[in-house]
Amino acid sequence: RHATGQPVLVGTISIEKSEMLSRQLEKRGIPHQVLNAKHHEREAQIIAEAGQHGTVTIATNMAGRGTDIVLGEGVANVGGLHILGTERHESRRIDNQLRGRSGRQGDPGSSQFYIALEDDLMRIFGSDRMSGLMERLGMDDDQPIESPMLTRAIENAQRRVESRNFDTRKHVLEYDD
């Protein structure tokens, strides 16, 4: 997508992961901007440039919230802003906020999430079953899997985490009273 000039916003779940990804892009010679709590003084400028032709922006979940990314001239013709999530968050709401950065106000856009069995959410729920299934099917560790069943399993895992977190907050409130 970057090769076509489509701007890409890469969402990460932590400052550490945004900086690690930045180093990987630097090694590959891909120009980019990083938007996280360490660079908050440049936030407005980075957001203003994020929708321009050919830009790559790496942002943590909290960075730049509440600010529309305006598409530059000709960007709609190459598909609008493309969102890449580096992993799924424990909360579906956070994932949806990231997805919602693209395709605003009738503009074109797209989103895609990449996950690994080592990601926090997958380690908590289901990575053993998934890796066992991949092994039985003779799949390589680095082979991508696209499946509605996998998407549902991830969303179910997110629901379980959200429910567990809700119960924890409820019990804390009970003890507080």
N, C-alpha and C. Protein backbone atom coordinates (compact mmCIF):
# COMPACT_ATOMS: atom_id res chain seq x y z
N ARG A 1 0.83 -1.20 0.00
CA ARG A 1 0.00 0.00 0.00
C ARG A 1 0.86 1.25 0.00
N HIS A 2 1.93 1.20 0.78
CA HIS A 2 2.82 2.35 0.84
C HIS A 2 3.40 2.64 -0.55
N ALA A 3 3.68 1.59 -1.31
CA ALA A 3 4.26 1.76 -2.64
C ALA A 3 3.32 2.51 -3.58
N THR A 4 2.01 2.42 -3.34
CA THR A 4 1.04 3.11 -4.20
C THR A 4 0.83 4.56 -3.77
N GLY A 5 1.42 4.94 -2.64
CA GLY A 5 1.24 6.30 -2.13
C GLY A 5 0.12 6.41 -1.12
N GLN A 6 -0.54 5.30 -0.83
CA GLN A 6 -1.62 5.34 0.16
C GLN A 6 -1.01 5.60 1.54
N PRO A 7 -1.49 6.62 2.25
CA PRO A 7 -0.96 6.85 3.59
C PRO A 7 -1.36 5.71 4.53
N VAL A 8 -0.45 5.37 5.44
CA VAL A 8 -0.66 4.26 6.35
C VAL A 8 -0.48 4.75 7.79
N LEU A 9 -1.46 4.44 8.63
CA LEU A 9 -1.37 4.69 10.06
C LEU A 9 -1.24 3.35 10.75
N VAL A 10 -0.12 3.14 11.43
CA VAL A 10 0.13 1.88 12.12
C VAL A 10 -0.15 2.09 13.60
N GLY A 11 -1.11 1.34 14.13
CA GLY A 11 -1.47 1.46 15.54
C GLY A 11 -0.77 0.40 16.37
N THR A 12 -0.09 0.83 17.43
CA THR A 12 0.57 -0.09 18.36
C THR A 12 -0.06 0.06 19.74
N ILE A 13 0.19 -0.91 20.62
CA ILE A 13 -0.43 -0.85 21.94
C ILE A 13 0.47 -0.24 23.01
N SER A 14 1.72 0.07 22.66
CA SER A 14 2.62 0.64 23.66
C SER A 14 3.69 1.51 23.00
N ILE A 15 4.28 2.38 23.80
CA ILE A 15 5.38 3.22 23.33
C ILE A 15 6.55 2.33 22.89
N GLU A 16 6.84 1.30 23.69
CA GLU A 16 7.96 0.41 23.37
C GLU A 16 7.77 -0.23 22.00
N LYS A 17 6.55 -0.70 21.73
CA LYS A 17 6.30 -1.36 20.45
C LYS A 17 6.33 -0.36 19.30
N SER A 18 5.89 0.88 19.54
CA SER A 18 5.96 1.89 18.47
C SER A 18 7.41 2.20 18.14
N GLU A 19 8.26 2.26 19.15
CA GLU A 19 9.67 2.56 18.91
C GLU A 19 10.39 1.38 18.26
N MET A 20 10.02 0.16 18.63
CA MET A 20 10.62 -1.02 18.00
C MET A 20 10.25 -1.06 16.51
N LEU A 21 8.99 -0.79 16.20
CA LEU A 21 8.56 -0.77 14.80
C LEU A 21 9.26 0.36 14.04
N SER A 22 9.44 1.50 14.68
CA SER A 22 10.14 2.61 14.05
C SER A 22 11.56 2.21 13.67
N ARG A 23 12.24 1.51 14.56
CA ARG A 23 13.61 1.04 14.25
C ARG A 23 13.61 0.09 13.06
N GLN A 24 12.61 -0.78 12.99
CA GLN A 24 12.53 -1.72 11.86
C GLN A 24 12.29 -0.98 10.54
N LEU A 25 11.44 0.03 10.56
CA LEU A 25 11.19 0.81 9.34
C LEU A 25 12.43 1.60 8.95
N GLU A 26 13.15 2.14 9.93
CA GLU A 26 14.40 2.86 9.64
C GLU A 26 15.40 1.95 8.94
N LYS A 27 15.53 0.72 9.42
CA LYS A 27 16.45 -0.25 8.80
C LYS A 27 16.09 -0.51 7.35
N ARG A 28 14.80 -0.45 7.04
CA ARG A 28 14.33 -0.70 5.67
C ARG A 28 14.27 0.57 4.83
N GLY A 29 14.65 1.69 5.42
CA GLY A 29 14.67 2.94 4.68
C GLY A 29 13.29 3.51 4.39
N ILE A 30 12.32 3.19 5.21
CA ILE A 30 10.95 3.70 5.02
C ILE A 30 10.76 4.92 5.91
N PRO A 31 10.60 6.11 5.29
CA PRO A 31 10.40 7.31 6.10
C PRO A 31 9.05 7.25 6.83
N HIS A 32 9.04 7.73 8.07
CA HIS A 32 7.83 7.65 8.88
C HIS A 32 7.91 8.65 10.03
N GLN A 33 6.78 8.84 10.69
CA GLN A 33 6.68 9.66 11.89
C GLN A 33 6.18 8.77 13.02
N VAL A 34 6.60 9.07 14.25
CA VAL A 34 6.14 8.33 15.42
C VAL A 34 5.35 9.28 16.30
N LEU A 35 4.14 8.86 16.65
CA LEU A 35 3.27 9.66 17.50
C LEU A 35 2.99 8.85 18.77
N ASN A 36 3.64 9.24 19.85
CA ASN A 36 3.37 8.62 21.14
C ASN A 36 3.60 9.66 22.23
N ALA A 37 3.47 9.27 23.47
CA ALA A 37 3.58 10.23 24.57
C ALA A 37 4.94 10.93 24.61
N LYS A 38 5.97 10.31 24.05
CA LYS A 38 7.30 10.93 24.03
C LYS A 38 7.39 12.06 23.01
N HIS A 39 6.48 12.09 22.04
CA HIS A 39 6.53 13.10 20.98
C HIS A 39 5.27 13.96 20.97
N HIS A 40 4.63 14.13 22.12
CA HIS A 40 3.35 14.83 22.16
C HIS A 40 3.43 16.29 21.72
N GLU A 41 4.61 16.91 21.83
CA GLU A 41 4.73 18.31 21.43
C GLU A 41 4.58 18.48 19.92
N ARG A 42 4.82 17.42 19.15
CA ARG A 42 4.70 17.49 17.69
C ARG A 42 3.40 16.84 17.21
N GLU A 43 2.50 16.50 18.13
CA GLU A 43 1.30 15.74 17.79
C GLU A 43 0.48 16.39 16.69
N ALA A 44 0.19 17.68 16.80
CA ALA A 44 -0.65 18.36 15.81
C ALA A 44 -0.02 18.30 14.42
N GLN A 45 1.29 18.51 14.33
CA GLN A 45 1.97 18.48 13.04
C GLN A 45 1.95 17.07 12.45
N ILE A 46 2.21 16.07 13.28
CA ILE A 46 2.24 14.68 12.80
C ILE A 46 0.86 14.27 12.31
N ILE A 47 -0.19 14.62 13.06
CA ILE A 47 -1.57 14.30 12.65
C ILE A 47 -1.91 15.02 11.35
N ALA A 48 -1.48 16.27 11.21
CA ALA A 48 -1.78 17.04 9.99
C ALA A 48 -1.13 16.40 8.76
N GLU A 49 0.01 15.74 8.95
CA GLU A 49 0.71 15.12 7.82
C GLU A 49 0.30 13.68 7.58
N ALA A 50 -0.38 13.04 8.54
CA ALA A 50 -0.67 11.60 8.47
C ALA A 50 -1.54 11.20 7.29
N GLY A 51 -2.35 12.10 6.78
CA GLY A 51 -3.23 11.77 5.66
C GLY A 51 -2.68 12.17 4.31
N GLN A 52 -1.42 12.58 4.28
CA GLN A 52 -0.81 13.02 3.02
C GLN A 52 -0.30 11.82 2.22
N HIS A 53 -0.20 12.01 0.93
CA HIS A 53 0.24 10.97 0.00
C HIS A 53 1.57 10.37 0.44
N GLY A 54 1.61 9.04 0.61
CA GLY A 54 2.85 8.33 0.88
C GLY A 54 3.36 8.34 2.30
N THR A 55 2.62 8.94 3.24
CA THR A 55 3.13 9.00 4.61
C THR A 55 2.89 7.70 5.37
N VAL A 56 3.78 7.43 6.29
CA VAL A 56 3.63 6.32 7.23
C VAL A 56 3.73 6.92 8.62
N THR A 57 2.72 6.68 9.43
CA THR A 57 2.68 7.20 10.79
C THR A 57 2.47 6.04 11.75
N ILE A 58 3.30 5.98 12.77
CA ILE A 58 3.15 4.97 13.82
C ILE A 58 2.59 5.69 15.03
N ALA A 59 1.51 5.16 15.60
CA ALA A 59 0.90 5.81 16.76
C ALA A 59 0.47 4.78 17.80
N THR A 60 0.61 5.16 19.06
CA THR A 60 0.06 4.33 20.13
C THR A 60 -1.44 4.59 20.20
N ASN A 61 -2.15 3.75 20.92
CA ASN A 61 -3.60 3.84 21.00
C ASN A 61 -4.10 5.21 21.45
N MET A 62 -3.44 5.81 22.40
CA MET A 62 -3.94 7.05 22.99
C MET A 62 -3.53 8.28 22.19
N ALA A 63 -2.53 8.17 21.36
CA ALA A 63 -1.99 9.34 20.67
C ALA A 63 -2.95 9.87 19.61
N GLY A 64 -3.11 11.17 19.59
CA GLY A 64 -3.88 11.82 18.54
C GLY A 64 -5.37 11.59 18.58
N ARG A 65 -5.88 11.08 19.69
CA ARG A 65 -7.32 10.82 19.77
C ARG A 65 -8.10 12.12 19.70
N GLY A 66 -9.25 12.04 19.04
CA GLY A 66 -10.12 13.20 18.95
C GLY A 66 -9.75 14.15 17.84
N THR A 67 -8.77 13.81 17.04
CA THR A 67 -8.33 14.67 15.94
C THR A 67 -8.54 13.93 14.63
N ASP A 68 -9.27 14.56 13.71
CA ASP A 68 -9.47 13.95 12.40
C ASP A 68 -8.19 14.02 11.58
N ILE A 69 -7.93 12.95 10.86
CA ILE A 69 -6.81 12.94 9.92
C ILE A 69 -7.39 13.32 8.57
N VAL A 70 -7.00 14.47 8.08
CA VAL A 70 -7.53 15.00 6.83
C VAL A 70 -6.70 14.43 5.68
N LEU A 71 -7.40 13.91 4.67
CA LEU A 71 -6.71 13.33 3.51
C LEU A 71 -6.15 14.43 2.62
N GLY A 72 -4.94 14.21 2.14
CA GLY A 72 -4.31 15.13 1.22
C GLY A 72 -4.87 14.98 -0.19
N GLU A 73 -4.43 15.85 -1.06
CA GLU A 73 -4.90 15.85 -2.44
C GLU A 73 -4.52 14.53 -3.13
N GLY A 74 -5.49 13.91 -3.78
CA GLY A 74 -5.27 12.68 -4.52
C GLY A 74 -5.25 11.41 -3.68
N VAL A 75 -5.30 11.54 -2.37
CA VAL A 75 -5.23 10.36 -1.50
C VAL A 75 -6.49 9.51 -1.63
N ALA A 76 -7.63 10.13 -1.83
CA ALA A 76 -8.87 9.36 -2.00
C ALA A 76 -8.76 8.43 -3.22
N ASN A 77 -8.03 8.85 -4.23
CA ASN A 77 -7.87 8.05 -5.44
C ASN A 77 -7.02 6.80 -5.24
N VAL A 78 -6.20 6.78 -4.17
CA VAL A 78 -5.37 5.59 -3.90
C VAL A 78 -5.92 4.79 -2.71
N GLY A 79 -7.16 5.08 -2.32
CA GLY A 79 -7.82 4.26 -1.28
C GLY A 79 -7.98 4.91 0.07
N GLY A 80 -7.53 6.16 0.22
CA GLY A 80 -7.67 6.82 1.51
C GLY A 80 -6.66 6.32 2.52
N LEU A 81 -6.90 6.62 3.77
CA LEU A 81 -6.00 6.22 4.84
C LEU A 81 -6.17 4.73 5.13
N HIS A 82 -5.05 4.01 5.20
CA HIS A 82 -5.08 2.58 5.55
C HIS A 82 -4.57 2.43 6.98
N ILE A 83 -5.33 1.73 7.79
CA ILE A 83 -4.98 1.47 9.18
C ILE A 83 -4.39 0.07 9.29
N LEU A 84 -3.24 -0.04 9.93
CA LEU A 84 -2.66 -1.34 10.26
C LEU A 84 -2.56 -1.44 11.78
N GLY A 85 -3.24 -2.42 12.35
CA GLY A 85 -3.11 -2.68 13.78
C GLY A 85 -2.07 -3.76 13.98
N THR A 86 -1.11 -3.53 14.87
CA THR A 86 -0.04 -4.50 15.06
C THR A 86 -0.45 -5.66 15.96
N GLU A 87 -1.51 -5.49 16.70
CA GLU A 87 -2.11 -6.58 17.47
C GLU A 87 -3.46 -6.12 17.97
N ARG A 88 -4.25 -7.05 18.43
CA ARG A 88 -5.57 -6.71 18.94
C ARG A 88 -5.44 -6.33 20.41
N HIS A 89 -6.18 -5.30 20.80
CA HIS A 89 -6.19 -4.84 22.18
C HIS A 89 -7.14 -5.71 22.98
N GLU A 90 -7.01 -5.68 24.30
CA GLU A 90 -7.95 -6.42 25.14
C GLU A 90 -9.37 -5.91 24.97
N SER A 91 -9.52 -4.65 24.59
CA SER A 91 -10.83 -4.02 24.46
C SER A 91 -11.20 -3.82 23.00
N ARG A 92 -12.37 -4.31 22.63
CA ARG A 92 -12.86 -4.10 21.26
C ARG A 92 -13.04 -2.62 20.98
N ARG A 93 -13.38 -1.85 22.01
CA ARG A 93 -13.60 -0.41 21.85
C ARG A 93 -12.32 0.27 21.35
N ILE A 94 -11.17 -0.12 21.90
CA ILE A 94 -9.90 0.48 21.47
C ILE A 94 -9.60 0.10 20.02
N ASP A 95 -9.83 -1.16 19.66
CA ASP A 95 -9.64 -1.59 18.26
C ASP A 95 -10.54 -0.78 17.34
N ASN A 96 -11.79 -0.59 17.74
CA ASN A 96 -12.73 0.16 16.90
C ASN A 96 -12.36 1.63 16.80
N GLN A 97 -11.78 2.19 17.87
CA GLN A 97 -11.31 3.58 17.78
C GLN A 97 -10.20 3.70 16.75
N LEU A 98 -9.31 2.73 16.72
CA LEU A 98 -8.23 2.75 15.72
C LEU A 98 -8.82 2.61 14.32
N ARG A 99 -9.72 1.64 14.13
CA ARG A 99 -10.36 1.48 12.82
C ARG A 99 -11.07 2.76 12.39
N GLY A 100 -11.67 3.44 13.35
CA GLY A 100 -12.44 4.65 13.07
C GLY A 100 -11.61 5.84 12.63
N ARG A 101 -10.28 5.74 12.71
CA ARG A 101 -9.44 6.84 12.24
C ARG A 101 -9.48 6.94 10.71
N SER A 102 -9.91 5.87 10.07
CA SER A 102 -9.95 5.80 8.61
C SER A 102 -11.40 5.84 8.14
N GLY A 103 -11.61 6.30 6.92
CA GLY A 103 -12.95 6.31 6.35
C GLY A 103 -13.88 7.29 7.03
N ARG A 104 -13.37 8.42 7.49
CA ARG A 104 -14.16 9.41 8.20
C ARG A 104 -14.90 10.30 7.21
N GLN A 105 -16.09 10.71 7.58
CA GLN A 105 -16.88 11.69 6.84
C GLN A 105 -16.97 11.36 5.35
N GLY A 106 -17.19 10.09 5.07
CA GLY A 106 -17.38 9.67 3.68
C GLY A 106 -16.11 9.44 2.89
N ASP A 107 -14.95 9.69 3.50
CA ASP A 107 -13.68 9.43 2.82
C ASP A 107 -13.46 7.93 2.70
N PRO A 108 -12.75 7.49 1.67
CA PRO A 108 -12.41 6.07 1.59
C PRO A 108 -11.35 5.73 2.63
N GLY A 109 -11.25 4.47 2.94
CA GLY A 109 -10.24 4.02 3.90
C GLY A 109 -10.38 2.53 4.13
N SER A 110 -9.41 1.97 4.82
CA SER A 110 -9.43 0.53 5.09
C SER A 110 -8.65 0.27 6.37
N SER A 111 -8.86 -0.93 6.91
CA SER A 111 -8.12 -1.31 8.11
C SER A 111 -7.83 -2.80 8.09
N GLN A 112 -6.75 -3.16 8.76
CA GLN A 112 -6.31 -4.55 8.81
C GLN A 112 -5.51 -4.73 10.10
N PHE A 113 -5.73 -5.85 10.77
CA PHE A 113 -4.97 -6.15 11.98
C PHE A 113 -4.08 -7.35 11.75
N TYR A 114 -2.88 -7.28 12.28
CA TYR A 114 -1.96 -8.41 12.27
C TYR A 114 -1.76 -8.83 13.71
N ILE A 115 -1.88 -10.12 13.94
CA ILE A 115 -1.67 -10.62 15.29
C ILE A 115 -0.70 -11.79 15.23
N ALA A 116 -0.10 -12.07 16.36
CA ALA A 116 0.80 -13.22 16.49
C ALA A 116 0.37 -14.02 17.70
N LEU A 117 0.67 -15.29 17.68
CA LEU A 117 0.31 -16.14 18.81
C LEU A 117 0.99 -15.69 20.10
N GLU A 118 2.07 -14.91 19.97
CA GLU A 118 2.79 -14.42 21.14
C GLU A 118 2.19 -13.14 21.71
N ASP A 119 1.23 -12.52 21.02
CA ASP A 119 0.60 -11.29 21.52
C ASP A 119 -0.12 -11.57 22.83
N ASP A 120 -0.23 -10.54 23.67
CA ASP A 120 -0.83 -10.70 25.00
C ASP A 120 -2.19 -11.37 24.95
N LEU A 121 -3.08 -10.86 24.11
CA LEU A 121 -4.44 -11.40 24.05
C LEU A 121 -4.43 -12.86 23.63
N MET A 122 -3.59 -13.21 22.68
CA MET A 122 -3.54 -14.59 22.20
C MET A 122 -2.90 -15.52 23.24
N ARG A 123 -1.91 -15.03 23.97
CA ARG A 123 -1.29 -15.84 25.01
C ARG A 123 -2.30 -16.17 26.11
N ILE A 124 -3.12 -15.19 26.46
CA ILE A 124 -4.11 -15.39 27.52
C ILE A 124 -5.19 -16.38 27.07
N PHE A 125 -5.64 -16.23 25.84
CA PHE A 125 -6.75 -17.04 25.34
C PHE A 125 -6.42 -17.69 24.01
N GLY A 126 -6.13 -18.96 24.03
CA GLY A 126 -6.19 -19.71 22.80
C GLY A 126 -4.94 -19.92 21.98
N SER A 127 -3.79 -19.39 22.37
CA SER A 127 -2.64 -19.58 21.49
C SER A 127 -2.21 -21.05 21.45
N ASP A 128 -2.38 -21.78 22.56
CA ASP A 128 -2.02 -23.20 22.56
C ASP A 128 -2.88 -23.99 21.58
N ARG A 129 -4.20 -23.72 21.61
CA ARG A 129 -5.10 -24.41 20.67
C ARG A 129 -4.77 -24.05 19.23
N MET A 130 -4.52 -22.76 19.00
CA MET A 130 -4.24 -22.31 17.63
C MET A 130 -2.92 -22.89 17.13
N SER A 131 -1.90 -22.89 17.97
CA SER A 131 -0.61 -23.43 17.51
C SER A 131 -0.72 -24.94 17.29
N GLY A 132 -1.52 -25.63 18.11
CA GLY A 132 -1.76 -27.06 17.90
C GLY A 132 -2.46 -27.32 16.58
N LEU A 133 -3.45 -26.50 16.27
CA LEU A 133 -4.18 -26.63 15.01
C LEU A 133 -3.24 -26.37 13.83
N MET A 134 -2.42 -25.34 13.93
CA MET A 134 -1.48 -25.03 12.84
C MET A 134 -0.50 -26.19 12.64
N GLU A 135 -0.07 -26.79 13.74
CA GLU A 135 0.86 -27.91 13.66
C GLU A 135 0.20 -29.10 12.96
N ARG A 136 -1.04 -29.42 13.35
CA ARG A 136 -1.76 -30.54 12.74
C ARG A 136 -1.99 -30.32 11.25
N LEU A 137 -2.20 -29.06 10.86
CA LEU A 137 -2.43 -28.75 9.44
C LEU A 137 -1.13 -28.60 8.67
N GLY A 138 0.01 -28.70 9.36
CA GLY A 138 1.31 -28.59 8.69
C GLY A 138 1.62 -27.18 8.24
N MET A 139 1.13 -26.18 8.97
CA MET A 139 1.36 -24.78 8.59
C MET A 139 2.64 -24.26 9.24
N ASP A 140 3.35 -23.40 8.52
CA ASP A 140 4.54 -22.76 9.06
C ASP A 140 4.15 -21.71 10.09
N ASP A 141 5.08 -21.41 11.00
CA ASP A 141 4.82 -20.41 12.03
C ASP A 141 4.57 -19.02 11.45
N ASP A 142 5.21 -18.71 10.33
CA ASP A 142 5.08 -17.37 9.77
C ASP A 142 4.03 -17.28 8.66
N GLN A 143 3.21 -18.31 8.52
CA GLN A 143 2.18 -18.31 7.49
C GLN A 143 0.97 -17.51 7.96
N PRO A 144 0.52 -16.54 7.16
CA PRO A 144 -0.65 -15.76 7.58
C PRO A 144 -1.93 -16.60 7.53
N ILE A 145 -2.81 -16.30 8.46
CA ILE A 145 -4.11 -16.98 8.51
C ILE A 145 -5.18 -15.91 8.44
N GLU A 146 -6.07 -16.03 7.49
CA GLU A 146 -7.22 -15.15 7.41
C GLU A 146 -8.45 -16.03 7.50
N SER A 147 -9.23 -15.81 8.55
CA SER A 147 -10.37 -16.69 8.76
C SER A 147 -11.42 -15.99 9.61
N PRO A 148 -12.68 -16.03 9.16
CA PRO A 148 -13.75 -15.48 10.00
C PRO A 148 -13.83 -16.20 11.35
N MET A 149 -13.49 -17.49 11.37
CA MET A 149 -13.51 -18.24 12.62
C MET A 149 -12.47 -17.68 13.60
N LEU A 150 -11.30 -17.35 13.10
CA LEU A 150 -10.25 -16.78 13.94
C LEU A 150 -10.68 -15.41 14.46
N THR A 151 -11.27 -14.60 13.59
CA THR A 151 -11.76 -13.28 14.00
C THR A 151 -12.78 -13.42 15.13
N ARG A 152 -13.71 -14.36 14.99
CA ARG A 152 -14.71 -14.59 16.05
C ARG A 152 -14.04 -15.05 17.34
N ALA A 153 -13.05 -15.91 17.22
CA ALA A 153 -12.35 -16.39 18.42
C ALA A 153 -11.65 -15.24 19.14
N ILE A 154 -11.05 -14.34 18.39
CA ILE A 154 -10.38 -13.19 18.99
C ILE A 154 -11.40 -12.28 19.66
N GLU A 155 -12.52 -12.04 18.98
CA GLU A 155 -13.56 -11.19 19.57
C GLU A 155 -14.14 -11.83 20.83
N ASN A 156 -14.28 -13.16 20.84
CA ASN A 156 -14.74 -13.84 22.05
C ASN A 156 -13.72 -13.69 23.18
N ALA A 157 -12.44 -13.78 22.84
CA ALA A 157 -11.40 -13.59 23.85
C ALA A 157 -11.47 -12.17 24.41
N GLN A 158 -11.69 -11.19 23.53
CA GLN A 158 -11.81 -9.81 23.99
C GLN A 158 -13.01 -9.66 24.92
N ARG A 159 -14.13 -10.29 24.58
CA ARG A 159 -15.31 -10.23 25.45
C ARG A 159 -15.01 -10.82 26.83
N ARG A 160 -14.28 -11.94 26.85
CA ARG A 160 -13.94 -12.57 28.14
C ARG A 160 -13.05 -11.66 28.97
N VAL A 161 -12.07 -11.02 28.34
CA VAL A 161 -11.19 -10.10 29.06
C VAL A 161 -11.99 -8.91 29.56
N GLU A 162 -12.85 -8.35 28.70
CA GLU A 162 -13.68 -7.22 29.12
C GLU A 162 -14.57 -7.60 30.30
N SER A 163 -15.15 -8.79 30.26
CA SER A 163 -16.01 -9.26 31.34
C SER A 163 -15.20 -9.44 32.63
N ARG A 164 -14.02 -10.02 32.50
CA ARG A 164 -13.16 -10.21 33.68
C ARG A 164 -12.76 -8.85 34.26
N ASN A 165 -12.41 -7.90 33.41
CA ASN A 165 -12.04 -6.56 33.88
C ASN A 165 -13.22 -5.86 34.55
N PHE A 166 -14.43 -6.04 33.99
CA PHE A 166 -15.63 -5.45 34.57
C PHE A 166 -15.88 -6.03 35.96
N ASP A 167 -15.77 -7.36 36.07
CA ASP A 167 -15.97 -8.02 37.37
C ASP A 167 -14.95 -7.52 38.40
N THR A 168 -13.72 -7.34 37.97
CA THR A 168 -12.68 -6.83 38.87
C THR A 168 -13.03 -5.44 39.36
N ARG A 169 -13.45 -4.56 38.43
CA ARG A 169 -13.84 -3.20 38.83
C ARG A 169 -15.04 -3.23 39.77
N LYS A 170 -15.99 -4.11 39.49
CA LYS A 170 -17.19 -4.23 40.33
C LYS A 170 -16.80 -4.65 41.75
N HIS A 171 -15.90 -5.62 41.88
CA HIS A 171 -15.48 -6.07 43.20
C HIS A 171 -14.70 -5.00 43.94
N VAL A 172 -13.88 -4.25 43.24
CA VAL A 172 -13.14 -3.16 43.86
C VAL A 172 -14.12 -2.13 44.40
N LEU A 173 -15.15 -1.82 43.63
CA LEU A 173 -16.16 -0.86 44.06
C LEU A 173 -16.91 -1.37 45.29
N GLU A 174 -17.21 -2.67 45.31
CA GLU A 174 -17.88 -3.26 46.48
C GLU A 174 -17.02 -3.12 47.73
N TYR A 175 -15.73 -3.38 47.60
CA TYR A 175 -14.83 -3.27 48.75
C TYR A 175 -14.64 -1.81 49.15
N ASP A 176 -14.74 -0.91 48.19
CA ASP A 176 -14.57 0.51 48.46
C ASP A 176 -15.72 1.04 49.31
N ASP A 177 -16.91 0.47 49.09
CA ASP A 177 -18.09 0.91 49.86
C ASP A 177 -17.99 0.34 51.24
